[in-house]
PDB file of all heavy atoms in Angstrom:
ATOM      1  N   GLY A   1      -4.426   7.902   6.239  1.00  0.00           N
ATOM      2  CA  GLY A   1      -5.103   8.832   7.109  1.00  0.00           C
ATOM      3  C   GLY A   1      -4.131   9.677   7.886  1.00  0.00           C
ATOM      4  O   GLY A   1      -2.938   9.727   7.583  1.00  0.00           O
ATOM      5  N   LEU A   2      -4.651  10.338   8.887  1.00  0.00           N
ATOM      6  CA  LEU A   2      -3.854  11.201   9.752  1.00  0.00           C
ATOM      7  C   LEU A   2      -3.714  10.537  11.117  1.00  0.00           C
ATOM      8  O   LEU A   2      -4.716  10.174  11.735  1.00  0.00           O
ATOM      9  CB  LEU A   2      -4.518  12.574   9.885  1.00  0.00           C
ATOM     10  CG  LEU A   2      -3.678  13.715  10.454  1.00  0.00           C
ATOM     11  CD1 LEU A   2      -4.292  15.047  10.056  1.00  0.00           C
ATOM     12  CD2 LEU A   2      -3.574  13.624  11.965  1.00  0.00           C
ATOM     13  N   VAL A   3      -2.478  10.370  11.543  1.00  0.00           N
ATOM     14  CA  VAL A   3      -2.209   9.755  12.839  1.00  0.00           C
ATOM     15  C   VAL A   3      -1.170  10.559  13.588  1.00  0.00           C
ATOM     16  O   VAL A   3      -0.406  11.333  12.998  1.00  0.00           O
ATOM     17  CB  VAL A   3      -1.728   8.296  12.698  1.00  0.00           C
ATOM     18  CG1 VAL A   3      -2.811   7.434  12.058  1.00  0.00           C
ATOM     19  CG2 VAL A   3      -0.444   8.229  11.885  1.00  0.00           C
ATOM     20  N   GLN A   4      -1.142  10.361  14.886  1.00  0.00           N
ATOM     21  CA  GLN A   4      -0.148  11.009  15.722  1.00  0.00           C
ATOM     22  C   GLN A   4       1.166  10.234  15.691  1.00  0.00           C
ATOM     23  O   GLN A   4       1.181   9.026  15.460  1.00  0.00           O
ATOM     24  CB  GLN A   4      -0.643  11.110  17.159  1.00  0.00           C
ATOM     25  CG  GLN A   4      -1.899  11.944  17.340  1.00  0.00           C
ATOM     26  CD  GLN A   4      -1.652  13.413  17.085  1.00  0.00           C
ATOM     27  OE1 GLN A   4      -0.584  13.939  17.430  1.00  0.00           O
ATOM     28  NE2 GLN A   4      -2.612  14.093  16.488  1.00  0.00           N
ATOM     29  N   ALA A   5       2.251  10.933  15.897  1.00  0.00           N
ATOM     30  CA  ALA A   5       3.551  10.273  15.966  1.00  0.00           C
ATOM     31  C   ALA A   5       3.518   9.173  17.019  1.00  0.00           C
ATOM     32  O   ALA A   5       2.971   9.352  18.101  1.00  0.00           O
ATOM     33  CB  ALA A   5       4.638  11.288  16.284  1.00  0.00           C
ATOM     34  N   GLY A   6       4.107   8.041  16.668  1.00  0.00           N
ATOM     35  CA  GLY A   6       4.101   6.896  17.554  1.00  0.00           C
ATOM     36  C   GLY A   6       2.940   5.956  17.320  1.00  0.00           C
ATOM     37  O   GLY A   6       2.935   4.837  17.852  1.00  0.00           O
ATOM     38  N   GLY A   7       1.984   6.377  16.529  1.00  0.00           N
ATOM     39  CA  GLY A   7       0.833   5.554  16.244  1.00  0.00           C
ATOM     40  C   GLY A   7       1.097   4.540  15.155  1.00  0.00           C
ATOM     41  O   GLY A   7       2.197   4.447  14.609  1.00  0.00           O
ATOM     42  N   SER A   8       0.063   3.785  14.836  1.00  0.00           N
ATOM     43  CA  SER A   8       0.170   2.731  13.836  1.00  0.00           C
ATOM     44  C   SER A   8      -0.900   2.891  12.777  1.00  0.00           C
ATOM     45  O   SER A   8      -1.958   3.479  13.010  1.00  0.00           O
ATOM     46  CB  SER A   8       0.033   1.346  14.484  1.00  0.00           C
ATOM     47  OG  SER A   8       1.068   1.101  15.413  1.00  0.00           O
ATOM     48  N   LEU A   9      -0.614   2.335  11.626  1.00  0.00           N
ATOM     49  CA  LEU A   9      -1.529   2.390  10.503  1.00  0.00           C
ATOM     50  C   LEU A   9      -1.251   1.191   9.613  1.00  0.00           C
ATOM     51  O   LEU A   9      -0.098   0.769   9.491  1.00  0.00           O
ATOM     52  CB  LEU A   9      -1.331   3.693   9.726  1.00  0.00           C
ATOM     53  CG  LEU A   9      -2.485   4.245   8.898  1.00  0.00           C
ATOM     54  CD1 LEU A   9      -3.669   4.595   9.780  1.00  0.00           C
ATOM     55  CD2 LEU A   9      -2.024   5.482   8.132  1.00  0.00           C
ATOM     56  N   ARG A  10      -2.291   0.650   9.016  1.00  0.00           N
ATOM     57  CA  ARG A  10      -2.112  -0.460   8.089  1.00  0.00           C
ATOM     58  C   ARG A  10      -2.712  -0.114   6.739  1.00  0.00           C
ATOM     59  O   ARG A  10      -3.908   0.159   6.630  1.00  0.00           O
ATOM     60  CB  ARG A  10      -2.750  -1.748   8.609  1.00  0.00           C
ATOM     61  CG  ARG A  10      -2.402  -2.966   7.735  1.00  0.00           C
ATOM     62  CD  ARG A  10      -2.978  -4.259   8.262  1.00  0.00           C
ATOM     63  NE  ARG A  10      -4.412  -4.363   8.021  1.00  0.00           N
ATOM     64  CZ  ARG A  10      -5.110  -5.493   8.120  1.00  0.00           C
ATOM     65  NH1 ARG A  10      -4.494  -6.628   8.469  1.00  0.00           N
ATOM     66  NH2 ARG A  10      -6.412  -5.499   7.898  1.00  0.00           N
ATOM     67  N   LEU A  11      -1.873  -0.137   5.733  1.00  0.00           N
ATOM     68  CA  LEU A  11      -2.306   0.104   4.374  1.00  0.00           C
ATOM     69  C   LEU A  11      -2.595  -1.219   3.680  1.00  0.00           C
ATOM     70  O   LEU A  11      -1.935  -2.221   3.938  1.00  0.00           O
ATOM     71  CB  LEU A  11      -1.242   0.859   3.573  1.00  0.00           C
ATOM     72  CG  LEU A  11      -0.720   2.173   4.158  1.00  0.00           C
ATOM     73  CD1 LEU A  11       0.274   2.803   3.196  1.00  0.00           C
ATOM     74  CD2 LEU A  11      -1.871   3.120   4.470  1.00  0.00           C
ATOM     75  N   SER A  12      -3.571  -1.216   2.808  1.00  0.00           N
ATOM     76  CA  SER A  12      -3.881  -2.399   2.033  1.00  0.00           C
ATOM     77  C   SER A  12      -4.029  -2.021   0.571  1.00  0.00           C
ATOM     78  O   SER A  12      -4.416  -0.902   0.238  1.00  0.00           O
ATOM     79  CB  SER A  12      -5.155  -3.082   2.538  1.00  0.00           C
ATOM     80  OG  SER A  12      -6.287  -2.259   2.342  1.00  0.00           O
ATOM     81  N   CYS A  13      -3.729  -2.965  -0.276  1.00  0.00           N
ATOM     82  CA  CYS A  13      -3.859  -2.772  -1.715  1.00  0.00           C
ATOM     83  C   CYS A  13      -4.379  -4.056  -2.319  1.00  0.00           C
ATOM     84  O   CYS A  13      -3.787  -5.123  -2.116  1.00  0.00           O
ATOM     85  CB  CYS A  13      -2.513  -2.391  -2.333  1.00  0.00           C
ATOM     86  SG  CYS A  13      -2.508  -2.324  -4.141  1.00  0.00           S
ATOM     87  N   THR A  14      -5.450  -3.945  -3.054  1.00  0.00           N
ATOM     88  CA  THR A  14      -6.051  -5.098  -3.700  1.00  0.00           C
ATOM     89  C   THR A  14      -6.050  -4.912  -5.208  1.00  0.00           C
ATOM     90  O   THR A  14      -6.482  -3.873  -5.710  1.00  0.00           O
ATOM     91  CB  THR A  14      -7.484  -5.327  -3.214  1.00  0.00           C
ATOM     92  OG1 THR A  14      -7.484  -5.575  -1.805  1.00  0.00           O
ATOM     93  CG2 THR A  14      -8.107  -6.522  -3.922  1.00  0.00           C
ATOM     94  N   ALA A  15      -5.559  -5.910  -5.901  1.00  0.00           N
ATOM     95  CA  ALA A  15      -5.528  -5.896  -7.356  1.00  0.00           C
ATOM     96  C   ALA A  15      -6.683  -6.709  -7.902  1.00  0.00           C
ATOM     97  O   ALA A  15      -6.963  -7.810  -7.426  1.00  0.00           O
ATOM     98  CB  ALA A  15      -4.204  -6.451  -7.871  1.00  0.00           C
ATOM     99  N   SER A  16      -7.341  -6.177  -8.893  1.00  0.00           N
ATOM    100  CA  SER A  16      -8.452  -6.873  -9.520  1.00  0.00           C
ATOM    101  C   SER A  16      -8.401  -6.663 -11.020  1.00  0.00           C
ATOM    102  O   SER A  16      -7.712  -5.774 -11.517  1.00  0.00           O
ATOM    103  CB  SER A  16      -9.788  -6.391  -8.961  1.00  0.00           C
ATOM    104  OG  SER A  16      -9.982  -5.012  -9.230  1.00  0.00           O
ATOM    105  N   GLY A  17      -9.149  -7.488 -11.733  1.00  0.00           N
ATOM    106  CA  GLY A  17      -9.192  -7.388 -13.179  1.00  0.00           C
ATOM    107  C   GLY A  17      -8.402  -8.491 -13.848  1.00  0.00           C
ATOM    108  O   GLY A  17      -8.205  -9.565 -13.287  1.00  0.00           O
ATOM    109  N   SER A  18      -7.956  -8.209 -15.038  1.00  0.00           N
ATOM    110  CA  SER A  18      -7.271  -9.203 -15.866  1.00  0.00           C
ATOM    111  C   SER A  18      -5.799  -9.314 -15.504  1.00  0.00           C
ATOM    112  O   SER A  18      -4.911  -8.976 -16.298  1.00  0.00           O
ATOM    113  CB  SER A  18      -7.438  -8.852 -17.341  1.00  0.00           C
ATOM    114  OG  SER A  18      -8.803  -8.817 -17.712  1.00  0.00           O
ATOM    115  N   ILE A  19      -5.563  -9.799 -14.316  1.00  0.00           N
ATOM    116  CA  ILE A  19      -4.197 -10.043 -13.881  1.00  0.00           C
ATOM    117  C   ILE A  19      -4.046 -11.544 -13.649  1.00  0.00           C
ATOM    118  O   ILE A  19      -4.802 -12.149 -12.883  1.00  0.00           O
ATOM    119  CB  ILE A  19      -3.845  -9.225 -12.624  1.00  0.00           C
ATOM    120  CG1 ILE A  19      -2.361  -9.367 -12.295  1.00  0.00           C
ATOM    121  CG2 ILE A  19      -4.738  -9.598 -11.454  1.00  0.00           C
ATOM    122  CD1 ILE A  19      -1.868  -8.335 -11.303  1.00  0.00           C
ATOM    123  N   TYR A  20      -3.080 -12.120 -14.326  1.00  0.00           N
ATOM    124  CA  TYR A  20      -2.931 -13.568 -14.326  1.00  0.00           C
ATOM    125  C   TYR A  20      -1.855 -14.079 -13.388  1.00  0.00           C
ATOM    126  O   TYR A  20      -1.950 -15.203 -12.882  1.00  0.00           O
ATOM    127  CB  TYR A  20      -2.651 -14.052 -15.753  1.00  0.00           C
ATOM    128  CG  TYR A  20      -3.694 -13.606 -16.738  1.00  0.00           C
ATOM    129  CD1 TYR A  20      -3.455 -12.536 -17.607  1.00  0.00           C
ATOM    130  CD2 TYR A  20      -4.935 -14.228 -16.794  1.00  0.00           C
ATOM    131  CE1 TYR A  20      -4.417 -12.113 -18.492  1.00  0.00           C
ATOM    132  CE2 TYR A  20      -5.899 -13.804 -17.685  1.00  0.00           C
ATOM    133  CZ  TYR A  20      -5.642 -12.753 -18.538  1.00  0.00           C
ATOM    134  OH  TYR A  20      -6.604 -12.336 -19.422  1.00  0.00           O
ATOM    135  N   SER A  21      -0.862 -13.284 -13.173  1.00  0.00           N
ATOM    136  CA  SER A  21       0.189 -13.661 -12.246  1.00  0.00           C
ATOM    137  C   SER A  21       0.788 -12.404 -11.633  1.00  0.00           C
ATOM    138  O   SER A  21       0.908 -11.376 -12.292  1.00  0.00           O
ATOM    139  CB  SER A  21       1.275 -14.485 -12.936  1.00  0.00           C
ATOM    140  OG  SER A  21       1.947 -13.729 -13.925  1.00  0.00           O
ATOM    141  N   ILE A  22       1.138 -12.520 -10.380  1.00  0.00           N
ATOM    142  CA  ILE A  22       1.761 -11.412  -9.666  1.00  0.00           C
ATOM    143  C   ILE A  22       3.147 -11.859  -9.228  1.00  0.00           C
ATOM    144  O   ILE A  22       3.289 -12.734  -8.377  1.00  0.00           O
ATOM    145  CB  ILE A  22       0.916 -10.983  -8.462  1.00  0.00           C
ATOM    146  CG1 ILE A  22      -0.459 -10.495  -8.920  1.00  0.00           C
ATOM    147  CG2 ILE A  22       1.640  -9.903  -7.671  1.00  0.00           C
ATOM    148  CD1 ILE A  22      -1.387 -10.105  -7.794  1.00  0.00           C
ATOM    149  N   ASN A  23       4.133 -11.261  -9.819  1.00  0.00           N
ATOM    150  CA  ASN A  23       5.513 -11.623  -9.521  1.00  0.00           C
ATOM    151  C   ASN A  23       6.079 -10.852  -8.337  1.00  0.00           C
ATOM    152  O   ASN A  23       7.073 -11.270  -7.748  1.00  0.00           O
ATOM    153  CB  ASN A  23       6.389 -11.403 -10.748  1.00  0.00           C
ATOM    154  CG  ASN A  23       5.972 -12.280 -11.910  1.00  0.00           C
ATOM    155  OD1 ASN A  23       5.808 -13.486 -11.758  1.00  0.00           O
ATOM    156  ND2 ASN A  23       5.799 -11.685 -13.080  1.00  0.00           N
ATOM    157  N   GLY A  24       5.448  -9.745  -8.026  1.00  0.00           N
ATOM    158  CA  GLY A  24       5.891  -8.965  -6.897  1.00  0.00           C
ATOM    159  C   GLY A  24       4.908  -7.861  -6.582  1.00  0.00           C
ATOM    160  O   GLY A  24       4.180  -7.408  -7.460  1.00  0.00           O
ATOM    161  N   MET A  25       4.892  -7.448  -5.346  1.00  0.00           N
ATOM    162  CA  MET A  25       4.053  -6.342  -4.919  1.00  0.00           C
ATOM    163  C   MET A  25       4.866  -5.490  -3.961  1.00  0.00           C
ATOM    164  O   MET A  25       5.787  -5.979  -3.304  1.00  0.00           O
ATOM    165  CB  MET A  25       2.773  -6.827  -4.238  1.00  0.00           C
ATOM    166  CG  MET A  25       1.931  -7.770  -5.085  1.00  0.00           C
ATOM    167  SD  MET A  25       0.364  -8.235  -4.312  1.00  0.00           S
ATOM    168  CE  MET A  25      -0.597  -6.723  -4.591  1.00  0.00           C
ATOM    169  N   GLY A  26       4.516  -4.232  -3.895  1.00  0.00           N
ATOM    170  CA  GLY A  26       5.276  -3.379  -3.008  1.00  0.00           C
ATOM    171  C   GLY A  26       4.622  -2.045  -2.762  1.00  0.00           C
ATOM    172  O   GLY A  26       3.536  -1.746  -3.266  1.00  0.00           O
ATOM    173  N   TRP A  27       5.300  -1.274  -1.958  1.00  0.00           N
ATOM    174  CA  TRP A  27       4.846   0.058  -1.599  1.00  0.00           C
ATOM    175  C   TRP A  27       5.960   1.067  -1.830  1.00  0.00           C
ATOM    176  O   TRP A  27       7.120   0.816  -1.485  1.00  0.00           O
ATOM    177  CB  TRP A  27       4.402   0.114  -0.135  1.00  0.00           C
ATOM    178  CG  TRP A  27       3.156  -0.658   0.150  1.00  0.00           C
ATOM    179  CD1 TRP A  27       3.055  -1.942   0.571  1.00  0.00           C
ATOM    180  CD2 TRP A  27       1.819  -0.172   0.022  1.00  0.00           C
ATOM    181  NE1 TRP A  27       1.746  -2.298   0.715  1.00  0.00           N
ATOM    182  CE2 TRP A  27       0.956  -1.231   0.384  1.00  0.00           C
ATOM    183  CE3 TRP A  27       1.260   1.044  -0.366  1.00  0.00           C
ATOM    184  CZ2 TRP A  27      -0.430  -1.108   0.378  1.00  0.00           C
ATOM    185  CZ3 TRP A  27      -0.121   1.178  -0.376  1.00  0.00           C
ATOM    186  CH2 TRP A  27      -0.943   0.110  -0.002  1.00  0.00           C
ATOM    187  N   TYR A  28       5.585   2.190  -2.400  1.00  0.00           N
ATOM    188  CA  TYR A  28       6.469   3.316  -2.591  1.00  0.00           C
ATOM    189  C   TYR A  28       5.803   4.542  -1.986  1.00  0.00           C
ATOM    190  O   TYR A  28       4.588   4.560  -1.785  1.00  0.00           O
ATOM    191  CB  TYR A  28       6.744   3.554  -4.078  1.00  0.00           C
ATOM    192  CG  TYR A  28       7.509   2.428  -4.756  1.00  0.00           C
ATOM    193  CD1 TYR A  28       6.890   1.211  -5.031  1.00  0.00           C
ATOM    194  CD2 TYR A  28       8.841   2.593  -5.121  1.00  0.00           C
ATOM    195  CE1 TYR A  28       7.588   0.180  -5.646  1.00  0.00           C
ATOM    196  CE2 TYR A  28       9.541   1.571  -5.741  1.00  0.00           C
ATOM    197  CZ  TYR A  28       8.906   0.370  -6.000  1.00  0.00           C
ATOM    198  OH  TYR A  28       9.603  -0.650  -6.617  1.00  0.00           O
ATOM    199  N   ARG A  29       6.584   5.542  -1.707  1.00  0.00           N
ATOM    200  CA  ARG A  29       6.013   6.759  -1.161  1.00  0.00           C
ATOM    201  C   ARG A  29       6.738   7.974  -1.720  1.00  0.00           C
ATOM    202  O   ARG A  29       7.891   7.892  -2.136  1.00  0.00           O
ATOM    203  CB  ARG A  29       6.076   6.773   0.372  1.00  0.00           C
ATOM    204  CG  ARG A  29       7.483   6.901   0.949  1.00  0.00           C
ATOM    205  CD  ARG A  29       7.459   6.772   2.459  1.00  0.00           C
ATOM    206  NE  ARG A  29       8.786   6.900   3.042  1.00  0.00           N
ATOM    207  CZ  ARG A  29       9.071   6.658   4.313  1.00  0.00           C
ATOM    208  NH1 ARG A  29       8.114   6.266   5.153  1.00  0.00           N
ATOM    209  NH2 ARG A  29      10.317   6.805   4.759  1.00  0.00           N
ATOM    210  N   ARG A  30       6.028   9.092  -1.733  1.00  0.00           N
ATOM    211  CA  ARG A  30       6.593  10.338  -2.201  1.00  0.00           C
ATOM    212  C   ARG A  30       6.240  11.444  -1.219  1.00  0.00           C
ATOM    213  O   ARG A  30       5.061  11.735  -0.995  1.00  0.00           O
ATOM    214  CB  ARG A  30       6.075  10.687  -3.597  1.00  0.00           C
ATOM    215  CG  ARG A  30       6.641  11.993  -4.143  1.00  0.00           C
ATOM    216  CD  ARG A  30       6.104  12.290  -5.538  1.00  0.00           C
ATOM    217  NE  ARG A  30       4.668  12.438  -5.541  1.00  0.00           N
ATOM    218  CZ  ARG A  30       4.025  13.539  -5.183  1.00  0.00           C
ATOM    219  NH1 ARG A  30       4.714  14.598  -4.776  1.00  0.00           N
ATOM    220  NH2 ARG A  30       2.709  13.588  -5.230  1.00  0.00           N
ATOM    221  N   ALA A  31       7.254  12.010  -0.641  1.00  0.00           N
ATOM    222  CA  ALA A  31       7.071  13.157   0.228  1.00  0.00           C
ATOM    223  C   ALA A  31       7.014  14.419  -0.622  1.00  0.00           C
ATOM    224  O   ALA A  31       7.545  14.456  -1.735  1.00  0.00           O
ATOM    225  CB  ALA A  31       8.205  13.242   1.243  1.00  0.00           C
ATOM    226  N   PRO A  32       6.382  15.469  -0.130  1.00  0.00           N
ATOM    227  CA  PRO A  32       6.292  16.706  -0.898  1.00  0.00           C
ATOM    228  C   PRO A  32       7.662  17.215  -1.318  1.00  0.00           C
ATOM    229  O   PRO A  32       8.576  17.321  -0.495  1.00  0.00           O
ATOM    230  CB  PRO A  32       5.612  17.676   0.068  1.00  0.00           C
ATOM    231  CG  PRO A  32       4.807  16.791   0.964  1.00  0.00           C
ATOM    232  CD  PRO A  32       5.655  15.558   1.139  1.00  0.00           C
TER     233      PRO A  32
END
């Protein structure tokens, strides 16, 4: 979302479907 500088935000990611094991999870970002 859109927040002001100094604010906080929590991102979540949920995996579903035919996934049997998760060896790692992470976050990446791309600026324009």
